[in-house]
PDB file of N, CA and C in Angstrom:
ATOM      1  N   MET A   1     177.623  17.136 -34.929  1.00  0.00           N
ATOM      2  CA  MET A   1     178.932  16.735 -35.430  1.00  0.00           C
ATOM      3  C   MET A   1     178.892  16.659 -36.955  1.00  0.00           C
ATOM      4  N   ALA A   2     180.056  16.733 -37.558  1.00  0.00           N
ATOM      5  CA  ALA A   2     180.144  16.669 -39.012  1.00  0.00           C
ATOM      6  C   ALA A   2     179.698  15.305 -39.516  1.00  0.00           C
ATOM      7  N   ASP A   3     179.324  15.269 -40.794  1.00  0.00           N
ATOM      8  CA  ASP A   3     178.871  14.014 -41.401  1.00  0.00           C
ATOM      9  C   ASP A   3     179.931  12.926 -41.353  1.00  0.00           C
ATOM     10  N   ASN A   4     181.191  13.299 -41.293  1.00  0.00           N
ATOM     11  CA  ASN A   4     182.263  12.311 -41.297  1.00  0.00           C
ATOM     12  C   ASN A   4     182.752  11.968 -39.894  1.00  0.00           C
ATOM     13  N   THR A   5     181.972  12.268 -38.873  1.00  0.00           N
ATOM     14  CA  THR A   5     182.318  11.961 -37.496  1.00  0.00           C
ATOM     15  C   THR A   5     181.232  11.091 -36.880  1.00  0.00           C
ATOM     16  N   VAL A   6     181.657   9.971 -36.275  1.00  0.00           N
ATOM     17  CA  VAL A   6     180.700   9.044 -35.655  1.00  0.00           C
ATOM     18  C   VAL A   6     181.247   8.572 -34.315  1.00  0.00           C
ATOM     19  N   THR A   7     180.355   8.078 -33.485  1.00  0.00           N
ATOM     20  CA  THR A   7     180.782   7.496 -32.211  1.00  0.00           C
ATOM     21  C   THR A   7     181.318   6.088 -32.456  1.00  0.00           C
ATOM     22  N   VAL A   8     181.997   5.552 -31.458  1.00  0.00           N
ATOM     23  CA  VAL A   8     182.502   4.183 -31.551  1.00  0.00           C
ATOM     24  C   VAL A   8     181.336   3.221 -31.818  1.00  0.00           C
ATOM     25  N   ARG A   9     180.244   3.413 -31.121  1.00  0.00           N
ATOM     26  CA  ARG A   9     179.078   2.539 -31.299  1.00  0.00           C
ATOM     27  C   ARG A   9     178.564   2.596 -32.739  1.00  0.00           C
ATOM     28  N   GLU A  10     178.456   3.815 -33.282  1.00  0.00           N
ATOM     29  CA  GLU A  10     177.990   3.967 -34.664  1.00  0.00           C
ATOM     30  C   GLU A  10     178.980   3.350 -35.656  1.00  0.00           C
ATOM     31  N   ALA A  11     180.259   3.546 -35.407  1.00  0.00           N
ATOM     32  CA  ALA A  11     181.282   2.981 -36.294  1.00  0.00           C
ATOM     33  C   ALA A  11     181.219   1.463 -36.284  1.00  0.00           C
ATOM     34  N   ARG A  12     181.036   0.897 -35.111  1.00  0.00           N
ATOM     35  CA  ARG A  12     180.954  -0.555 -34.983  1.00  0.00           C
ATOM     36  C   ARG A  12     179.736  -1.087 -35.746  1.00  0.00           C
ATOM     37  N   ALA A  13     178.623  -0.402 -35.633  1.00  0.00           N
ATOM     38  CA  ALA A  13     177.379  -0.858 -36.258  1.00  0.00           C
ATOM     39  C   ALA A  13     177.405  -0.710 -37.781  1.00  0.00           C
ATOM     40  N   HIS A  14     178.211   0.218 -38.289  1.00  0.00           N
ATOM     41  CA  HIS A  14     178.218   0.510 -39.728  1.00  0.00           C
ATOM     42  C   HIS A  14     179.631   0.494 -40.303  1.00  0.00           C
ATOM     43  N   LEU A  15     180.471  -0.404 -39.809  1.00  0.00           N
ATOM     44  CA  LEU A  15     181.875  -0.420 -40.224  1.00  0.00           C
ATOM     45  C   LEU A  15     182.025  -0.562 -41.732  1.00  0.00           C
ATOM     46  N   ALA A  16     181.271  -1.450 -42.350  1.00  0.00           N
ATOM     47  CA  ALA A  16     181.392  -1.650 -43.796  1.00  0.00           C
ATOM     48  C   ALA A  16     181.118  -0.357 -44.557  1.00  0.00           C
ATOM     49  N   GLU A  17     180.145   0.416 -44.102  1.00  0.00           N
ATOM     50  CA  GLU A  17     179.821   1.696 -44.741  1.00  0.00           C
ATOM     51  C   GLU A  17     180.989   2.673 -44.653  1.00  0.00           C
ATOM     52  N   HIS A  18     181.633   2.706 -43.493  1.00  0.00           N
ATOM     53  CA  HIS A  18     182.765   3.625 -43.318  1.00  0.00           C
ATOM     54  C   HIS A  18     183.979   3.167 -44.120  1.00  0.00           C
ATOM     55  N   ILE A  19     184.143   1.869 -44.263  1.00  0.00           N
ATOM     56  CA  ILE A  19     185.213   1.349 -45.114  1.00  0.00           C
ATOM     57  C   ILE A  19     184.939   1.723 -46.563  1.00  0.00           C
ATOM     58  N   ASN A  20     183.703   1.580 -47.004  1.00  0.00           N
ATOM     59  CA  ASN A  20     183.345   1.965 -48.368  1.00  0.00           C
ATOM     60  C   ASN A  20     183.609   3.448 -48.605  1.00  0.00           C
ATOM     61  N   ARG A  21     183.261   4.277 -47.628  1.00  0.00           N
ATOM     62  CA  ARG A  21     183.507   5.728 -47.755  1.00  0.00           C
ATOM     63  C   ARG A  21     185.002   6.003 -47.854  1.00  0.00           C
ATOM     64  N   ALA A  22     185.798   5.280 -47.072  1.00  0.00           N
ATOM     65  CA  ALA A  22     187.249   5.462 -47.144  1.00  0.00           C
ATOM     66  C   ALA A  22     187.769   5.070 -48.524  1.00  0.00           C
ATOM     67  N   GLU A  23     187.248   3.974 -49.070  1.00  0.00           N
ATOM     68  CA  GLU A  23     187.656   3.569 -50.414  1.00  0.00           C
ATOM     69  C   GLU A  23     187.328   4.643 -51.448  1.00  0.00           C
ATOM     70  N   GLU A  24     186.268   5.387 -51.202  1.00  0.00           N
ATOM     71  CA  GLU A  24     185.853   6.459 -52.110  1.00  0.00           C
ATOM     72  C   GLU A  24     186.599   7.760 -51.836  1.00  0.00           C
ATOM     73  N   GLY A  25     187.444   7.777 -50.789  1.00  0.00           N
ATOM     74  CA  GLY A  25     188.259   8.953 -50.501  1.00  0.00           C
ATOM     75  C   GLY A  25     187.809   9.791 -49.328  1.00  0.00           C
ATOM     76  N   THR A  26     186.765   9.360 -48.617  1.00  0.00           N
ATOM     77  CA  THR A  26     186.247  10.147 -47.500  1.00  0.00           C
ATOM     78  C   THR A  26     186.611   9.500 -46.166  1.00  0.00           C
ATOM     79  N   PRO A  27     187.399  10.183 -45.338  1.00  0.00           N
ATOM     80  CA  PRO A  27     187.734   9.626 -44.021  1.00  0.00           C
ATOM     81  C   PRO A  27     186.561   9.769 -43.048  1.00  0.00           C
ATOM     82  N   THR A  28     186.549   8.920 -42.048  1.00  0.00           N
ATOM     83  CA  THR A  28     185.567   8.994 -40.963  1.00  0.00           C
ATOM     84  C   THR A  28     186.331   9.085 -39.649  1.00  0.00           C
ATOM     85  N   VAL A  29     186.028  10.094 -38.868  1.00  0.00           N
ATOM     86  CA  VAL A  29     186.624  10.259 -37.538  1.00  0.00           C
ATOM     87  C   VAL A  29     185.714   9.569 -36.529  1.00  0.00           C
ATOM     88  N   ILE A  30     186.316   8.798 -35.638  1.00  0.00           N
ATOM     89  CA  ILE A  30     185.566   8.064 -34.622  1.00  0.00           C
ATOM     90  C   ILE A  30     185.831   8.708 -33.264  1.00  0.00           C
ATOM     91  N   THR A  31     184.748   8.970 -32.535  1.00  0.00           N
ATOM     92  CA  THR A  31     184.877   9.627 -31.236  1.00  0.00           C
ATOM     93  C   THR A  31     184.455   8.704 -30.103  1.00  0.00           C
ATOM     94  N   ARG A  32     185.016   8.969 -28.936  1.00  0.00           N
ATOM     95  CA  ARG A  32     184.605   8.296 -27.699  1.00  0.00           C
ATOM     96  C   ARG A  32     184.412   9.393 -26.670  1.00  0.00           C
ATOM     97  N   ASN A  33     183.242   9.439 -26.088  1.00  0.00           N
ATOM     98  CA  ASN A  33     182.916  10.492 -25.119  1.00  0.00           C
ATOM     99  C   ASN A  33     183.159  11.884 -25.708  1.00  0.00           C
ATOM    100  N   GLY A  34     182.854  12.040 -26.993  1.00  0.00           N
ATOM    101  CA  GLY A  34     182.966  13.324 -27.659  1.00  0.00           C
ATOM    102  C   GLY A  34     184.352  13.705 -28.145  1.00  0.00           C
ATOM    103  N   ALA A  35     185.358  12.903 -27.833  1.00  0.00           N
ATOM    104  CA  ALA A  35     186.729  13.215 -28.243  1.00  0.00           C
ATOM    105  C   ALA A  35     187.166  12.297 -29.382  1.00  0.00           C
ATOM    106  N   PRO A  36     187.801  12.837 -30.418  1.00  0.00           N
ATOM    107  CA  PRO A  36     188.297  11.995 -31.505  1.00  0.00           C
ATOM    108  C   PRO A  36     189.362  11.026 -30.999  1.00  0.00           C
ATOM    109  N   VAL A  37     189.219   9.734 -31.367  1.00  0.00           N
ATOM    110  CA  VAL A  37     190.176   8.723 -30.910  1.00  0.00           C
ATOM    111  C   VAL A  37     190.762   7.887 -32.044  1.00  0.00           C
ATOM    112  N   ALA A  38     190.114   7.877 -33.215  1.00  0.00           N
ATOM    113  CA  ALA A  38     190.596   7.062 -34.322  1.00  0.00           C
ATOM    114  C   ALA A  38     189.984   7.582 -35.615  1.00  0.00           C
ATOM    115  N   ALA A  39     190.452   7.010 -36.719  1.00  0.00           N
ATOM    116  CA  ALA A  39     189.890   7.381 -38.013  1.00  0.00           C
ATOM    117  C   ALA A  39     189.977   6.202 -38.969  1.00  0.00           C
ATOM    118  N   VAL A  40     188.999   6.094 -39.841  1.00  0.00           N
ATOM    119  CA  VAL A  40     189.034   5.158 -40.957  1.00  0.00           C
ATOM    120  C   VAL A  40     189.349   6.034 -42.166  1.00  0.00           C
ATOM    121  N   VAL A  41     190.524   5.819 -42.741  1.00  0.00           N
ATOM    122  CA  VAL A  41     190.984   6.698 -43.818  1.00  0.00           C
ATOM    123  C   VAL A  41     191.310   5.894 -45.067  1.00  0.00           C
ATOM    124  N   PRO A  42     191.288   6.556 -46.219  1.00  0.00           N
ATOM    125  CA  PRO A  42     191.719   5.873 -47.439  1.00  0.00           C
ATOM    126  C   PRO A  42     193.150   5.358 -47.265  1.00  0.00           C
ATOM    127  N   ILE A  43     193.429   4.177 -47.798  1.00  0.00           N
ATOM    128  CA  ILE A  43     194.756   3.584 -47.618  1.00  0.00           C
ATOM    129  C   ILE A  43     195.842   4.482 -48.199  1.00  0.00           C
ATOM    130  N   ALA A  44     195.557   5.190 -49.280  1.00  0.00           N
ATOM    131  CA  ALA A  44     196.554   6.101 -49.865  1.00  0.00           C
ATOM    132  C   ALA A  44     196.938   7.190 -48.864  1.00  0.00           C
ATOM    133  N   ASP A  45     195.970   7.694 -48.105  1.00  0.00           N
ATOM    134  CA  ASP A  45     196.254   8.705 -47.085  1.00  0.00           C
ATOM    135  C   ASP A  45     197.125   8.125 -45.984  1.00  0.00           C
ATOM    136  N   PHE A  46     196.806   6.910 -45.556  1.00  0.00           N
ATOM    137  CA  PHE A  46     197.574   6.247 -44.504  1.00  0.00           C
ATOM    138  C   PHE A  46     199.007   6.011 -44.965  1.00  0.00           C
ATOM    139  N   GLU A  47     199.169   5.515 -46.193  1.00  0.00           N
ATOM    140  CA  GLU A  47     200.510   5.258 -46.717  1.00  0.00           C
ATOM    141  C   GLU A  47     201.300   6.554 -46.852  1.00  0.00           C
ATOM    142  N   ALA A  48     200.645   7.641 -47.265  1.00  0.00           N
ATOM    143  CA  ALA A  48     201.315   8.937 -47.377  1.00  0.00           C
ATOM    144  C   ALA A  48     201.768   9.413 -46.000  1.00  0.00           C
ATOM    145  N   LEU A  49     200.942   9.205 -44.986  1.00  0.00           N
ATOM    146  CA  LEU A  49     201.310   9.589 -43.628  1.00  0.00           C
ATOM    147  C   LEU A  49     202.521   8.802 -43.143  1.00  0.00           C
ATOM    148  N   GLU A  50     202.525   7.491 -43.392  1.00  0.00           N
ATOM    149  CA  GLU A  50     203.671   6.667 -42.993  1.00  0.00           C
ATOM    150  C   GLU A  50     204.940   7.115 -43.709  1.00  0.00           C
ATOM    151  N   GLU A  51     204.832   7.400 -45.010  1.00  0.00           N
ATOM    152  CA  GLU A  51     205.992   7.847 -45.777  1.00  0.00           C
ATOM    153  C   GLU A  51     206.507   9.181 -45.255  1.00  0.00           C
ATOM    154  N   ALA A  52     205.604  10.098 -44.947  1.00  0.00           N
ATOM    155  CA  ALA A  52     206.007  11.400 -44.416  1.00  0.00           C
ATOM    156  C   ALA A  52     206.712  11.234 -43.071  1.00  0.00           C
ATOM    157  N   ALA A  53     206.217  10.331 -42.235  1.00  0.00           N
ATOM    158  CA  ALA A  53     206.860  10.088 -40.938  1.00  0.00           C
ATOM    159  C   ALA A  53     208.259   9.516 -41.141  1.00  0.00           C
ATOM    160  N   ASP A  54     208.409   8.595 -42.102  1.00  0.00           N
ATOM    161  CA  ASP A  54     209.730   8.029 -42.391  1.00  0.00           C
ATOM    162  C   ASP A  54     210.702   9.110 -42.861  1.00  0.00           C
ATOM    163  N   VAL A  55     210.239  10.002 -43.735  1.00  0.00           N
ATOM    164  CA  VAL A  55     211.076  11.087 -44.239  1.00  0.00           C
ATOM    165  C   VAL A  55     211.487  12.003 -43.081  1.00  0.00           C
ATOM    166  N   MET A  56     210.537  12.332 -42.209  1.00  0.00           N
ATOM    167  CA  MET A  56     210.832  13.203 -41.083  1.00  0.00           C
ATOM    168  C   MET A  56     211.875  12.570 -40.152  1.00  0.00           C
ATOM    169  N   LEU A  57     211.712  11.291 -39.853  1.00  0.00           N
ATOM    170  CA  LEU A  57     212.680  10.618 -38.981  1.00  0.00           C
ATOM    171  C   LEU A  57     214.055  10.551 -39.626  1.00  0.00           C
ATOM    172  N   ALA A  58     214.098  10.306 -40.938  1.00  0.00           N
ATOM    173  CA  ALA A  58     215.386  10.269 -41.643  1.00  0.00           C
ATOM    174  C   ALA A  58     216.059  11.631 -41.602  1.00  0.00           C
ATOM    175  N   ARG A  59     215.296  12.696 -41.785  1.00  0.00           N
ATOM    176  CA  ARG A  59     215.870  14.051 -41.713  1.00  0.00           C
ATOM    177  C   ARG A  59     216.398  14.357 -40.324  1.00  0.00           C
ATOM    178  N   GLU A  60     215.652  13.935 -39.305  1.00  0.00           N
ATOM    179  CA  GLU A  60     216.121  14.153 -37.934  1.00  0.00           C
ATOM    180  C   GLU A  60     217.417  13.397 -37.676  1.00  0.00           C
ATOM    181  N   ALA A  61     217.506  12.168 -38.167  1.00  0.00           N
ATOM    182  CA  ALA A  61     218.718  11.371 -37.994  1.00  0.00           C
ATOM    183  C   ALA A  61     219.883  12.012 -38.729  1.00  0.00           C
ATOM    184  N   GLU A  62     219.647  12.492 -39.945  1.00  0.00           N
ATOM    185  CA  GLU A  62     220.699  13.170 -40.710  1.00  0.00           C
ATOM    186  C   GLU A  62     221.183  14.420 -39.978  1.00  0.00           C
ATOM    187  N   ALA A  63     220.267  15.154 -39.370  1.00  0.00           N
ATOM    188  CA  ALA A  63     220.640  16.367 -38.637  1.00  0.00           C
ATOM    189  C   ALA A  63     221.499  16.025 -37.429  1.00  0.00           C
ATOM    190  N   VAL A  64     221.160  14.955 -36.733  1.00  0.00           N
ATOM    191  CA  VAL A  64     221.958  14.536 -35.565  1.00  0.00           C
ATOM    192  C   VAL A  64     223.360  14.158 -36.013  1.00  0.00           C
ATOM    193  N   LEU A  65     223.444  13.404 -37.114  1.00  0.00           N
ATOM    194  CA  LEU A  65     224.767  13.012 -37.623  1.00  0.00           C
ATOM    195  C   LEU A  65     225.563  14.227 -38.093  1.00  0.00           C
ATOM    196  N   ALA A  66     224.903  15.164 -38.753  1.00  0.00           N
ATOM    197  CA  ALA A  66     225.583  16.371 -39.241  1.00  0.00           C
ATOM    198  C   ALA A  66     226.127  17.206 -38.093  1.00  0.00           C
ATOM    199  N   ASP A  67     225.450  17.167 -36.953  1.00  0.00           N
ATOM    200  CA  ASP A  67     225.899  17.918 -35.774  1.00  0.00           C
ATOM    201  C   ASP A  67     226.923  17.145 -34.963  1.00  0.00           C
ATOM    202  N   GLY A  68     227.353  15.991 -35.475  1.00  0.00           N
ATOM    203  CA  GLY A  68     228.335  15.186 -34.751  1.00  0.00           C
ATOM    204  C   GLY A  68     227.728  14.407 -33.609  1.00  0.00           C
ATOM    205  N   GLY A  69     226.429  14.156 -33.696  1.00  0.00           N
ATOM    206  CA  GLY A  69     225.736  13.419 -32.644  1.00  0.00           C
ATOM    207  C   GLY A  69     226.188  11.976 -32.565  1.00  0.00           C
ATOM    208  N   PRO A  70     225.782  11.296 -31.517  1.00  0.00           N
ATOM    209  CA  PRO A  70     226.236   9.921 -31.296  1.00  0.00           C
ATOM    210  C   PRO A  70     225.632   8.942 -32.306  1.00  0.00           C
ATOM    211  N   THR A  71     226.373   7.895 -32.563  1.00  0.00           N
ATOM    212  CA  THR A  71     225.857   6.794 -33.376  1.00  0.00           C
ATOM    213  C   THR A  71     225.834   5.548 -32.505  1.00  0.00           C
ATOM    214  N   VAL A  72     225.035   4.575 -32.911  1.00  0.00           N
ATOM    215  CA  VAL A  72     224.894   3.345 -32.144  1.00  0.00           C
ATOM    216  C   VAL A  72     225.056   2.173 -33.100  1.00  0.00           C
ATOM    217  N   ALA A  73     225.844   1.193 -32.695  1.00  0.00           N
ATOM    218  CA  ALA A  73     226.013  -0.009 -33.508  1.00  0.00           C
ATOM    219  C   ALA A  73     224.725  -0.822 -33.468  1.00  0.00           C
ATOM    220  N   MET A  74     224.427  -1.526 -34.546  1.00  0.00           N
ATOM    221  CA  MET A  74     223.216  -2.331 -34.631  1.00  0.00           C
ATOM    222  C   MET A  74     223.154  -3.350 -33.490  1.00  0.00           C
ATOM    223  N   ALA A  75     224.273  -3.974 -33.167  1.00  0.00           N
ATOM    224  CA  ALA A  75     224.288  -4.963 -32.082  1.00  0.00           C
ATOM    225  C   ALA A  75     223.874  -4.318 -30.763  1.00  0.00           C
ATOM    226  N   GLU A  76     224.358  -3.113 -30.511  1.00  0.00           N
ATOM    227  CA  GLU A  76     224.012  -2.407 -29.280  1.00  0.00           C
ATOM    228  C   GLU A  76     222.529  -2.034 -29.268  1.00  0.00           C
ATOM    229  N   LEU A  77     222.038  -1.581 -30.406  1.00  0.00           N
ATOM    230  CA  LEU A  77     220.629  -1.228 -30.521  1.00  0.00           C
ATOM    231  C   LEU A  77     219.741  -2.444 -30.250  1.00  0.00           C
ATOM    232  N   LEU A  78     220.073  -3.575 -30.856  1.00  0.00           N
ATOM    233  CA  LEU A  78     219.282  -4.794 -30.651  1.00  0.00           C
ATOM    234  C   LEU A  78     219.357  -5.274 -29.209  1.00  0.00           C
ATOM    235  N   ALA A  79     220.536  -5.195 -28.610  1.00  0.00           N
ATOM    236  CA  ALA A  79     220.686  -5.611 -27.216  1.00  0.00           C
ATOM    237  C   ALA A  79     219.810  -4.751 -26.313  1.00  0.00           C
ATOM    238  N   ASP A  80     219.803  -3.444 -26.546  1.00  0.00           N
ATOM    239  CA  ASP A  80     218.955  -2.554 -25.752  1.00  0.00           C
ATOM    240  C   ASP A  80     217.483  -2.863 -25.972  1.00  0.00           C
ATOM    241  N   LEU A  81     217.107  -3.096 -27.208  1.00  0.00           N
ATOM    242  CA  LEU A  81     215.713  -3.389 -27.528  1.00  0.00           C
ATOM    243  C   LEU A  81     215.245  -4.652 -26.807  1.00  0.00           C
ATOM    244  N   PHE A  82     216.031  -5.704 -26.880  1.00  0.00           N
ATOM    245  CA  PHE A  82     215.603  -6.955 -26.260  1.00  0.00           C
ATOM    246  C   PHE A  82     215.674  -6.905 -24.743  1.00  0.00           C
ATOM    247  N   SER A  83     216.585  -6.119 -24.190  1.00  0.00           N
ATOM    248  CA  SER A  83     216.622  -6.011 -22.726  1.00  0.00           C
ATOM    249  C   SER A  83     215.397  -5.242 -22.235  1.00  0.00           C
ATOM    250  N   GLU A  84     214.920  -4.248 -23.001  1.00  0.00           N
ATOM    251  CA  GLU A  84     213.712  -3.516 -22.623  1.00  0.00           C
ATOM    252  C   GLU A  84     212.492  -4.417 -22.692  1.00  0.00           C
ATOM    253  N   ARG A  85     212.418  -5.270 -23.696  1.00  0.00           N
ATOM    254  CA  ARG A  85     211.281  -6.194 -23.812  1.00  0.00           C
ATOM    255  C   ARG A  85     211.265  -7.185 -22.655  1.00  0.00           C
ATOM    256  N   GLY A  86     212.442  -7.643 -22.263  1.00  0.00           N
ATOM    257  CA  GLY A  86     212.526  -8.594 -21.162  1.00  0.00           C
ATOM    258  C   GLY A  86     212.054  -7.995 -19.854  1.00  0.00           C
ATOM    259  N   GLU A  87     212.341  -6.709 -19.640  1.00  0.00           N
ATOM    260  CA  GLU A  87     211.932  -6.046 -18.392  1.00  0.00           C
ATOM    261  C   GLU A  87     210.431  -5.895 -18.324  1.00  0.00           C
ATOM    262  N   GLY A  88     209.793  -5.556 -19.456  1.00  0.00           N
ATOM    263  CA  GLY A  88     208.344  -5.350 -19.467  1.00  0.00           C
ATOM    264  C   GLY A  88     207.547  -6.637 -19.469  1.00  0.00           C
ATOM    265  N   ALA A  89     208.179  -7.749 -19.820  1.00  0.00           N
ATOM    266  CA  ALA A  89     207.452  -9.016 -19.935  1.00  0.00           C
ATOM    267  C   ALA A  89     207.256  -9.707 -18.593  1.00  0.00           C
ATOM    268  N   ALA A  90     207.983  -9.291 -17.591  1.00  0.00           N
ATOM    269  CA  ALA A  90     207.920  -9.977 -16.293  1.00  0.00           C
ATOM    270  C   ALA A  90     206.594  -9.814 -15.611  1.00  0.00           C
TER     271      ALA A  90
END
């Protein structure tokens, strides 16, 4: 495996080292049973990913509105959100 790929066990045993590497700009991919499952990445990379996701979602919402798609009132959205939480909490 590449130098920047470790197992969960290795990541757990050397977490501080992987955090230091992330601070220096090098991500570490963590695998379980040979499959990538997580990563320790520089915070700037993580923030850029979150920002890109926000931009993508905003563009999708704008496209739906431009096509005359449905809108939802905030009260309706919150009511749906809390009713879904209530169903899963039982």
